[in-house]
Amino acid sequence: MQEVESSANSTSQRVAGVYIISVAARLARMHPQTLRKYDREDLVNPARTGGMLRLYSEEDVQRLLVIGRLVDEFGLNVEGVRLVLSMVGVMQEVIEVLERSSEVAGTRTARLASQELSRLIDHIGQGEPSSHNDPGTQ
């Protein structure tokens, strides 16, 4: 793990799995200019060193792979990608409520809704495959 110092203040934050732009671009199967564009468009927010060098985390690389899939396979433009990523975030929040809310957690309806939302998220390529998709956990 590498420590990256924040330029906004003197506190340090820990960033796991940092990659410079050329390595992140190779891992994401994109050109470095594309990563810069997505950074400008606020689709990805890599950490910065004191000298403003971009450092991409493993999470950033995974997000770039999802963005690449949305662009290449689904033909979305930047605004379409932004909308889909926003919708995925909302779906993840709904799943969390369905699983943690004492009023609905454990009900058949909550379980089915959570499973369907998880399948949609997995289809997009966002997030880890979850136990919601495992028939053995139902």
Protein backbone atom coordinates (compact mmCIF):
# COMPACT_ATOMS: atom_id res chain seq x y z
CA MET A 1 0.00 0.00 0.00
CA GLN A 2 1.30 3.44 -0.89
CA GLU A 3 0.59 6.64 0.99
CA VAL A 4 -0.43 9.60 -1.13
CA GLU A 5 -0.35 13.07 0.37
CA SER A 6 -3.33 15.27 -0.30
CA SER A 7 -2.46 18.63 -1.84
CA ALA A 8 -5.50 20.30 -0.23
CA ASN A 9 -4.14 19.78 3.27
CA SER A 10 -1.27 18.14 5.06
CA THR A 11 -3.17 15.00 6.04
CA SER A 12 -2.34 11.75 4.32
CA GLN A 13 -4.77 9.28 2.88
CA ARG A 14 -4.14 5.66 2.11
CA VAL A 15 -4.73 4.52 -1.46
CA ALA A 16 -4.53 0.81 -2.26
CA GLY A 17 -3.21 -0.47 -5.58
CA VAL A 18 -2.14 2.76 -7.20
CA TYR A 19 -1.16 2.81 -10.86
CA ILE A 20 0.24 5.64 -12.93
CA ILE A 21 -1.78 6.58 -15.99
CA SER A 22 0.17 4.43 -18.47
CA VAL A 23 -0.31 1.29 -16.37
CA ALA A 24 -3.97 2.06 -15.62
CA ALA A 25 -4.58 2.66 -19.34
CA ARG A 26 -3.06 -0.70 -20.20
CA LEU A 27 -5.12 -2.48 -17.51
CA ALA A 28 -8.31 -0.74 -18.69
CA ARG A 29 -7.43 -1.40 -22.36
CA MET A 30 -7.69 2.31 -23.18
CA HIS A 31 -5.42 5.06 -24.43
CA PRO A 32 -4.04 7.36 -21.69
CA GLN A 33 -5.78 10.33 -23.38
CA THR A 34 -9.09 8.53 -22.87
CA LEU A 35 -8.37 8.28 -19.13
CA ARG A 36 -7.60 11.99 -19.06
CA LYS A 37 -10.89 12.70 -20.85
CA TYR A 38 -12.87 10.59 -18.37
CA ASP A 39 -11.11 12.40 -15.53
CA ARG A 40 -12.06 15.79 -17.06
CA GLU A 41 -15.63 14.55 -17.51
CA ASP A 42 -15.66 13.47 -13.83
CA LEU A 43 -16.45 9.84 -14.66
CA VAL A 44 -13.40 8.70 -12.72
CA ASN A 45 -11.50 10.56 -10.00
CA PRO A 46 -7.96 9.25 -9.56
CA ALA A 47 -5.93 10.31 -6.55
CA ARG A 48 -3.25 12.94 -7.12
CA THR A 49 0.27 13.24 -5.82
CA GLY A 50 1.64 16.57 -4.62
CA GLY A 51 2.93 17.06 -8.17
CA MET A 52 -0.58 16.35 -9.56
CA LEU A 53 0.39 12.96 -11.04
CA ARG A 54 -2.75 10.83 -11.46
CA LEU A 55 -2.75 7.61 -9.44
CA TYR A 56 -5.50 5.12 -10.30
CA SER A 57 -6.71 2.59 -7.73
CA GLU A 58 -7.93 -0.91 -8.52
CA GLU A 59 -11.46 0.44 -8.06
CA ASP A 60 -10.74 3.18 -10.64
CA VAL A 61 -9.48 0.57 -13.12
CA GLN A 62 -12.61 -1.55 -12.59
CA ARG A 63 -14.77 1.54 -13.15
CA LEU A 64 -12.83 2.30 -16.36
CA LEU A 65 -13.49 -1.24 -17.58
CA VAL A 66 -17.22 -0.72 -16.97
CA ILE A 67 -17.11 2.63 -18.77
CA GLY A 68 -15.29 0.97 -21.67
CA ARG A 69 -17.96 -1.71 -21.88
CA LEU A 70 -20.75 0.86 -21.82
CA VAL A 71 -19.08 2.81 -24.63
CA ASP A 72 -17.89 -0.10 -26.79
CA GLU A 73 -20.66 -2.69 -26.36
CA PHE A 74 -23.66 -0.49 -25.66
CA GLY A 75 -22.63 2.50 -27.78
CA LEU A 76 -23.18 5.08 -25.04
CA ASN A 77 -21.68 8.55 -25.09
CA VAL A 78 -20.29 10.28 -21.98
CA GLU A 79 -23.71 11.51 -20.83
CA GLY A 80 -25.20 8.04 -21.32
CA VAL A 81 -22.38 6.52 -19.28
CA ARG A 82 -22.92 9.13 -16.56
CA LEU A 83 -26.66 8.29 -16.46
CA VAL A 84 -26.08 4.52 -16.28
CA LEU A 85 -23.45 4.87 -13.54
CA SER A 86 -25.83 7.10 -11.59
CA MET A 87 -28.64 4.55 -11.98
CA VAL A 88 -26.31 1.77 -10.82
CA GLY A 89 -25.52 3.82 -7.71
CA VAL A 90 -29.22 4.23 -6.97
CA MET A 91 -29.83 0.50 -7.52
CA GLN A 92 -27.02 -0.33 -5.08
CA GLU A 93 -28.61 1.96 -2.49
CA VAL A 94 -32.00 0.29 -2.98
CA ILE A 95 -30.39 -3.15 -2.54
CA GLU A 96 -28.82 -1.95 0.70
CA VAL A 97 -32.20 -0.74 1.99
CA LEU A 98 -33.89 -3.99 0.98
CA GLU A 99 -31.26 -6.02 2.80
CA ARG A 100 -30.91 -3.89 5.93
CA SER A 101 -34.33 -2.37 6.60
CA SER A 102 -36.01 -4.19 9.48
CA GLU A 103 -39.42 -3.76 7.84
CA VAL A 104 -38.57 -5.53 4.57
CA ALA A 105 -35.32 -7.46 5.04
CA GLY A 106 -35.86 -11.17 4.64
CA THR A 107 -39.20 -10.93 2.88
CA ARG A 108 -39.68 -12.78 -0.39
CA THR A 109 -40.40 -9.54 -2.25
CA ALA A 110 -37.26 -7.85 -0.93
CA ARG A 111 -35.16 -10.88 -1.78
CA LEU A 112 -36.53 -11.07 -5.35
CA ALA A 113 -36.15 -7.33 -5.94
CA SER A 114 -32.61 -7.41 -4.59
CA GLN A 115 -31.74 -10.35 -6.85
CA GLU A 116 -33.13 -8.64 -9.95
CA LEU A 117 -31.32 -5.38 -9.24
CA SER A 118 -28.10 -7.31 -8.64
CA ARG A 119 -28.51 -9.10 -11.97
CA LEU A 120 -28.93 -5.76 -13.75
CA ILE A 121 -25.81 -4.38 -12.08
CA ASP A 122 -23.83 -7.53 -12.93
CA HIS A 123 -24.99 -7.29 -16.56
CA ILE A 124 -23.64 -3.77 -16.79
CA GLY A 125 -20.38 -4.99 -15.33
CA GLN A 126 -20.52 -2.93 -12.17
CA GLY A 127 -19.76 -4.57 -8.87
CA GLU A 128 -18.78 -8.02 -7.77
CA PRO A 129 -21.01 -11.04 -8.41
CA SER A 130 -23.04 -11.26 -5.26
CA SER A 131 -24.64 -14.00 -3.22
CA HIS A 132 -28.01 -12.70 -4.47
CA ASN A 133 -27.39 -14.58 -7.70
CA ASP A 134 -26.51 -17.82 -5.95
CA PRO A 135 -29.57 -20.07 -5.84
CA GLY A 136 -28.12 -21.74 -2.73
CA THR A 137 -28.58 -18.57 -0.69
CA GLN A 138 -32.31 -18.18 -1.33
